[in-house]
Amino acid sequence: MKKFLITLATFIFVVLLWIGLGVRRVHKTAYVSSATLDIATPMNVTIDVDFIKSLNPAYGTE
């Protein structure tokens, strides 16, 4: 019962703190700048599937 009360008190404290700070929706633009997103955009590349299959021993040798 003691663990439950400690857990409940911690949960209520976190909820009150969250409400006190203001509940906001999470947007990736709020945490990551647009310049970083531009840099992180994947490059257009061609993947050689046959080469990758040849590296995997589960496909056997051809």
PDB file of N, CA and C in Angstrom:
ATOM      1  N   MET A   1       0.816  -1.193   0.000  1.00  0.00           N
ATOM      2  CA  MET A   1       0.000   0.000   0.000  1.00  0.00           C
ATOM      3  C   MET A   1       0.860   1.258   0.000  1.00  0.00           C
ATOM      4  N   LYS A   2       2.016   1.165   0.670  1.00  0.00           N
ATOM      5  CA  LYS A   2       2.915   2.311   0.736  1.00  0.00           C
ATOM      6  C   LYS A   2       3.460   2.649  -0.650  1.00  0.00           C
ATOM      7  N   LYS A   3       3.811   1.624  -1.431  1.00  0.00           N
ATOM      8  CA  LYS A   3       4.315   1.855  -2.788  1.00  0.00           C
ATOM      9  C   LYS A   3       3.240   2.496  -3.663  1.00  0.00           C
ATOM     10  N   PHE A   4       1.997   2.050  -3.478  1.00  0.00           N
ATOM     11  CA  PHE A   4       0.896   2.621  -4.250  1.00  0.00           C
ATOM     12  C   PHE A   4       0.719   4.101  -3.941  1.00  0.00           C
ATOM     13  N   LEU A   5       0.777   4.472  -2.672  1.00  0.00           N
ATOM     14  CA  LEU A   5       0.602   5.876  -2.299  1.00  0.00           C
ATOM     15  C   LEU A   5       1.752   6.738  -2.815  1.00  0.00           C
ATOM     16  N   ILE A   6       2.961   6.206  -2.780  1.00  0.00           N
ATOM     17  CA  ILE A   6       4.102   6.940  -3.309  1.00  0.00           C
ATOM     18  C   ILE A   6       3.962   7.114  -4.814  1.00  0.00           C
ATOM     19  N   THR A   7       3.549   6.064  -5.495  1.00  0.00           N
ATOM     20  CA  THR A   7       3.345   6.126  -6.945  1.00  0.00           C
ATOM     21  C   THR A   7       2.222   7.101  -7.291  1.00  0.00           C
ATOM     22  N   LEU A   8       1.136   7.057  -6.553  1.00  0.00           N
ATOM     23  CA  LEU A   8       0.015   7.960  -6.778  1.00  0.00           C
ATOM     24  C   LEU A   8       0.426   9.412  -6.544  1.00  0.00           C
ATOM     25  N   ALA A   9       1.153   9.674  -5.470  1.00  0.00           N
ATOM     26  CA  ALA A   9       1.607  11.034  -5.178  1.00  0.00           C
ATOM     27  C   ALA A   9       2.547  11.534  -6.264  1.00  0.00           C
ATOM     28  N   THR A  10       3.431  10.677  -6.749  1.00  0.00           N
ATOM     29  CA  THR A  10       4.346  11.062  -7.828  1.00  0.00           C
ATOM     30  C   THR A  10       3.573  11.364  -9.105  1.00  0.00           C
ATOM     31  N   PHE A  11       2.606  10.536  -9.422  1.00  0.00           N
ATOM     32  CA  PHE A  11       1.794  10.734 -10.618  1.00  0.00           C
ATOM     33  C   PHE A  11       1.031  12.056 -10.536  1.00  0.00           C
ATOM     34  N   ILE A  12       0.413  12.326  -9.396  1.00  0.00           N
ATOM     35  CA  ILE A  12      -0.338  13.576  -9.227  1.00  0.00           C
ATOM     36  C   ILE A  12       0.599  14.778  -9.315  1.00  0.00           C
ATOM     37  N   PHE A  13       1.786  14.673  -8.729  1.00  0.00           N
ATOM     38  CA  PHE A  13       2.767  15.752  -8.803  1.00  0.00           C
ATOM     39  C   PHE A  13       3.165  16.025 -10.251  1.00  0.00           C
ATOM     40  N   VAL A  14       3.420  14.981 -11.020  1.00  0.00           N
ATOM     41  CA  VAL A  14       3.818  15.149 -12.418  1.00  0.00           C
ATOM     42  C   VAL A  14       2.684  15.757 -13.223  1.00  0.00           C
ATOM     43  N   VAL A  15       1.464  15.316 -13.001  1.00  0.00           N
ATOM     44  CA  VAL A  15       0.316  15.867 -13.727  1.00  0.00           C
ATOM     45  C   VAL A  15       0.134  17.347 -13.398  1.00  0.00           C
ATOM     46  N   LEU A  16       0.244  17.706 -12.131  1.00  0.00           N
ATOM     47  CA  LEU A  16       0.107  19.112 -11.748  1.00  0.00           C
ATOM     48  C   LEU A  16       1.242  19.950 -12.326  1.00  0.00           C
ATOM     49  N   LEU A  17       2.433  19.413 -12.338  1.00  0.00           N
ATOM     50  CA  LEU A  17       3.568  20.120 -12.922  1.00  0.00           C
ATOM     51  C   LEU A  17       3.361  20.311 -14.417  1.00  0.00           C
ATOM     52  N   TRP A  18       2.870  19.282 -15.087  1.00  0.00           N
ATOM     53  CA  TRP A  18       2.631  19.339 -16.526  1.00  0.00           C
ATOM     54  C   TRP A  18       1.557  20.391 -16.836  1.00  0.00           C
ATOM     55  N   ILE A  19       0.493  20.395 -16.056  1.00  0.00           N
ATOM     56  CA  ILE A  19      -0.568  21.385 -16.252  1.00  0.00           C
ATOM     57  C   ILE A  19      -0.054  22.786 -15.926  1.00  0.00           C
ATOM     58  N   GLY A  20       0.752  22.898 -14.879  1.00  0.00           N
ATOM     59  CA  GLY A  20       1.295  24.198 -14.494  1.00  0.00           C
ATOM     60  C   GLY A  20       2.211  24.783 -15.554  1.00  0.00           C
ATOM     61  N   LEU A  21       2.969  23.936 -16.225  1.00  0.00           N
ATOM     62  CA  LEU A  21       3.856  24.413 -17.279  1.00  0.00           C
ATOM     63  C   LEU A  21       3.108  24.666 -18.572  1.00  0.00           C
ATOM     64  N   GLY A  22       1.958  24.111 -18.682  1.00  0.00           N
ATOM     65  CA  GLY A  22       1.146  24.281 -19.890  1.00  0.00           C
ATOM     66  C   GLY A  22       1.310  23.090 -20.797  1.00  0.00           C
ATOM     67  N   VAL A  23       0.222  22.379 -20.982  1.00  0.00           N
ATOM     68  CA  VAL A  23       0.254  21.207 -21.849  1.00  0.00           C
ATOM     69  C   VAL A  23       0.268  21.699 -23.293  1.00  0.00           C
ATOM     70  N   ARG A  24       1.287  21.288 -24.015  1.00  0.00           N
ATOM     71  CA  ARG A  24       1.410  21.682 -25.413  1.00  0.00           C
ATOM     72  C   ARG A  24       1.517  20.435 -26.265  1.00  0.00           C
ATOM     73  N   ARG A  25       1.022  20.555 -27.487  1.00  0.00           N
ATOM     74  CA  ARG A  25       1.181  19.451 -28.422  1.00  0.00           C
ATOM     75  C   ARG A  25       2.625  19.396 -28.872  1.00  0.00           C
ATOM     76  N   VAL A  26       3.086  18.232 -29.206  1.00  0.00           N
ATOM     77  CA  VAL A  26       4.459  18.059 -29.644  1.00  0.00           C
ATOM     78  C   VAL A  26       4.525  18.252 -31.151  1.00  0.00           C
ATOM     79  N   HIS A  27       5.322  19.206 -31.579  1.00  0.00           N
ATOM     80  CA  HIS A  27       5.551  19.464 -32.993  1.00  0.00           C
ATOM     81  C   HIS A  27       7.035  19.322 -33.256  1.00  0.00           C
ATOM     82  N   LYS A  28       7.379  18.632 -34.331  1.00  0.00           N
ATOM     83  CA  LYS A  28       8.800  18.447 -34.604  1.00  0.00           C
ATOM     84  C   LYS A  28       9.494  19.755 -34.955  1.00  0.00           C
ATOM     85  N   THR A  29       8.726  20.735 -35.453  1.00  0.00           N
ATOM     86  CA  THR A  29       9.351  22.023 -35.773  1.00  0.00           C
ATOM     87  C   THR A  29       9.702  22.799 -34.509  1.00  0.00           C
ATOM     88  N   ALA A  30       9.061  22.486 -33.404  1.00  0.00           N
ATOM     89  CA  ALA A  30       9.377  23.169 -32.148  1.00  0.00           C
ATOM     90  C   ALA A  30      10.703  22.677 -31.576  1.00  0.00           C
ATOM     91  N   TYR A  31      11.095  21.460 -31.896  1.00  0.00           N
ATOM     92  CA  TYR A  31      12.310  20.880 -31.331  1.00  0.00           C
ATOM     93  C   TYR A  31      13.446  20.812 -32.344  1.00  0.00           C
ATOM     94  N   VAL A  32      13.125  20.738 -33.623  1.00  0.00           N
ATOM     95  CA  VAL A  32      14.141  20.617 -34.656  1.00  0.00           C
ATOM     96  C   VAL A  32      13.950  21.763 -35.636  1.00  0.00           C
ATOM     97  N   SER A  33      15.019  22.502 -35.894  1.00  0.00           N
ATOM     98  CA  SER A  33      14.904  23.643 -36.803  1.00  0.00           C
ATOM     99  C   SER A  33      14.737  23.162 -38.239  1.00  0.00           C
ATOM    100  N   SER A  34      14.243  24.046 -39.084  1.00  0.00           N
ATOM    101  CA  SER A  34      14.029  23.678 -40.485  1.00  0.00           C
ATOM    102  C   SER A  34      15.356  23.442 -41.197  1.00  0.00           C
ATOM    103  N   ALA A  35      16.423  24.142 -40.770  1.00  0.00           N
ATOM    104  CA  ALA A  35      17.742  23.911 -41.377  1.00  0.00           C
ATOM    105  C   ALA A  35      18.220  22.489 -41.096  1.00  0.00           C
ATOM    106  N   THR A  36      17.990  22.008 -39.893  1.00  0.00           N
ATOM    107  CA  THR A  36      18.377  20.638 -39.549  1.00  0.00           C
ATOM    108  C   THR A  36      17.549  19.636 -40.338  1.00  0.00           C
ATOM    109  N   LEU A  37      16.271  19.906 -40.499  1.00  0.00           N
ATOM    110  CA  LEU A  37      15.427  19.001 -41.281  1.00  0.00           C
ATOM    111  C   LEU A  37      15.862  18.965 -42.743  1.00  0.00           C
ATOM    112  N   ASP A  38      16.301  20.107 -43.285  1.00  0.00           N
ATOM    113  CA  ASP A  38      16.790  20.136 -44.669  1.00  0.00           C
ATOM    114  C   ASP A  38      18.051  19.303 -44.821  1.00  0.00           C
ATOM    115  N   ILE A  39      18.929  19.368 -43.826  1.00  0.00           N
ATOM    116  CA  ILE A  39      20.172  18.594 -43.875  1.00  0.00           C
ATOM    117  C   ILE A  39      19.872  17.102 -43.732  1.00  0.00           C
ATOM    118  N   ALA A  40      18.880  16.766 -42.921  1.00  0.00           N
ATOM    119  CA  ALA A  40      18.575  15.365 -42.623  1.00  0.00           C
ATOM    120  C   ALA A  40      17.749  14.683 -43.694  1.00  0.00           C
ATOM    121  N   THR A  41      17.357  15.396 -44.733  1.00  0.00           N
ATOM    122  CA  THR A  41      16.559  14.797 -45.798  1.00  0.00           C
ATOM    123  C   THR A  41      17.376  13.722 -46.506  1.00  0.00           C
ATOM    124  N   PRO A  42      16.844  12.528 -46.667  1.00  0.00           N
ATOM    125  CA  PRO A  42      17.625  11.459 -47.301  1.00  0.00           C
ATOM    126  C   PRO A  42      17.924  11.780 -48.766  1.00  0.00           C
ATOM    127  N   MET A  43      19.063  11.329 -49.188  1.00  0.00           N
ATOM    128  CA  MET A  43      19.460  11.541 -50.579  1.00  0.00           C
ATOM    129  C   MET A  43      18.770  10.518 -51.464  1.00  0.00           C
ATOM    130  N   ASN A  44      18.588  10.851 -52.711  1.00  0.00           N
ATOM    131  CA  ASN A  44      17.967   9.949 -53.667  1.00  0.00           C
ATOM    132  C   ASN A  44      19.057   9.001 -54.177  1.00  0.00           C
ATOM    133  N   VAL A  45      19.033   7.770 -53.702  1.00  0.00           N
ATOM    134  CA  VAL A  45      20.042   6.793 -54.095  1.00  0.00           C
ATOM    135  C   VAL A  45      19.359   5.537 -54.612  1.00  0.00           C
ATOM    136  N   THR A  46      20.089   4.781 -55.380  1.00  0.00           N
ATOM    137  CA  THR A  46      19.603   3.506 -55.888  1.00  0.00           C
ATOM    138  C   THR A  46      20.244   2.395 -55.073  1.00  0.00           C
ATOM    139  N   ILE A  47      19.434   1.502 -54.564  1.00  0.00           N
ATOM    140  CA  ILE A  47      19.932   0.396 -53.746  1.00  0.00           C
ATOM    141  C   ILE A  47      20.064  -0.833 -54.630  1.00  0.00           C
ATOM    142  N   ASP A  48      21.227  -1.439 -54.606  1.00  0.00           N
ATOM    143  CA  ASP A  48      21.481  -2.640 -55.384  1.00  0.00           C
ATOM    144  C   ASP A  48      20.987  -3.845 -54.581  1.00  0.00           C
ATOM    145  N   VAL A  49      19.765  -4.254 -54.846  1.00  0.00           N
ATOM    146  CA  VAL A  49      19.133  -5.324 -54.085  1.00  0.00           C
ATOM    147  C   VAL A  49      19.836  -6.651 -54.327  1.00  0.00           C
ATOM    148  N   ASP A  50      20.263  -6.902 -55.541  1.00  0.00           N
ATOM    149  CA  ASP A  50      20.945  -8.164 -55.837  1.00  0.00           C
ATOM    150  C   ASP A  50      22.251  -8.277 -55.057  1.00  0.00           C
ATOM    151  N   PHE A  51      22.966  -7.162 -54.918  1.00  0.00           N
ATOM    152  CA  PHE A  51      24.210  -7.187 -54.141  1.00  0.00           C
ATOM    153  C   PHE A  51      23.921  -7.471 -52.673  1.00  0.00           C
ATOM    154  N   ILE A  52      22.861  -6.851 -52.129  1.00  0.00           N
ATOM    155  CA  ILE A  52      22.515  -7.081 -50.725  1.00  0.00           C
ATOM    156  C   ILE A  52      22.092  -8.523 -50.508  1.00  0.00           C
ATOM    157  N   LYS A  53      21.326  -9.083 -51.440  1.00  0.00           N
ATOM    158  CA  LYS A  53      20.927 -10.489 -51.318  1.00  0.00           C
ATOM    159  C   LYS A  53      22.134 -11.409 -51.383  1.00  0.00           C
ATOM    160  N   SER A  54      23.144 -11.036 -52.177  1.00  0.00           N
ATOM    161  CA  SER A  54      24.328 -11.889 -52.279  1.00  0.00           C
ATOM    162  C   SER A  54      25.143 -11.873 -50.990  1.00  0.00           C
ATOM    163  N   LEU A  55      24.990 -10.855 -50.175  1.00  0.00           N
ATOM    164  CA  LEU A  55      25.709 -10.795 -48.907  1.00  0.00           C
ATOM    165  C   LEU A  55      25.028 -11.619 -47.814  1.00  0.00           C
ATOM    166  N   ASN A  56      23.764 -11.888 -47.960  1.00  0.00           N
ATOM    167  CA  ASN A  56      23.005 -12.602 -46.941  1.00  0.00           C
ATOM    168  C   ASN A  56      23.123 -14.108 -47.183  1.00  0.00           C
ATOM    169  N   PRO A  57      23.700 -14.844 -46.222  1.00  0.00           N
ATOM    170  CA  PRO A  57      23.862 -16.296 -46.423  1.00  0.00           C
ATOM    171  C   PRO A  57      22.539 -17.052 -46.463  1.00  0.00           C
ATOM    172  N   ALA A  58      21.441 -16.431 -46.043  1.00  0.00           N
ATOM    173  CA  ALA A  58      20.146 -17.116 -46.065  1.00  0.00           C
ATOM    174  C   ALA A  58      19.670 -17.357 -47.496  1.00  0.00           C
ATOM    175  N   TYR A  59      20.153 -16.570 -48.450  1.00  0.00           N
ATOM    176  CA  TYR A  59      19.752 -16.747 -49.841  1.00  0.00           C
ATOM    177  C   TYR A  59      20.593 -17.797 -50.545  1.00  0.00           C
ATOM    178  N   GLY A  60      21.638 -18.271 -49.911  1.00  0.00           N
ATOM    179  CA  GLY A  60      22.486 -19.295 -50.517  1.00  0.00           C
ATOM    180  C   GLY A  60      23.403 -18.700 -51.563  1.00  0.00           C
ATOM    181  N   THR A  61      24.203 -19.564 -52.155  1.00  0.00           N
ATOM    182  CA  THR A  61      25.133 -19.098 -53.188  1.00  0.00           C
ATOM    183  C   THR A  61      24.534 -19.397 -54.543  1.00  0.00           C
ATOM    184  N   GLU A  62      24.753 -18.509 -55.462  1.00  0.00           N
ATOM    185  CA  GLU A  62      24.198 -18.704 -56.804  1.00  0.00           C
ATOM    186  C   GLU A  62      25.300 -18.912 -57.807  1.00  0.00           C
TER     187      GLU A  62
END
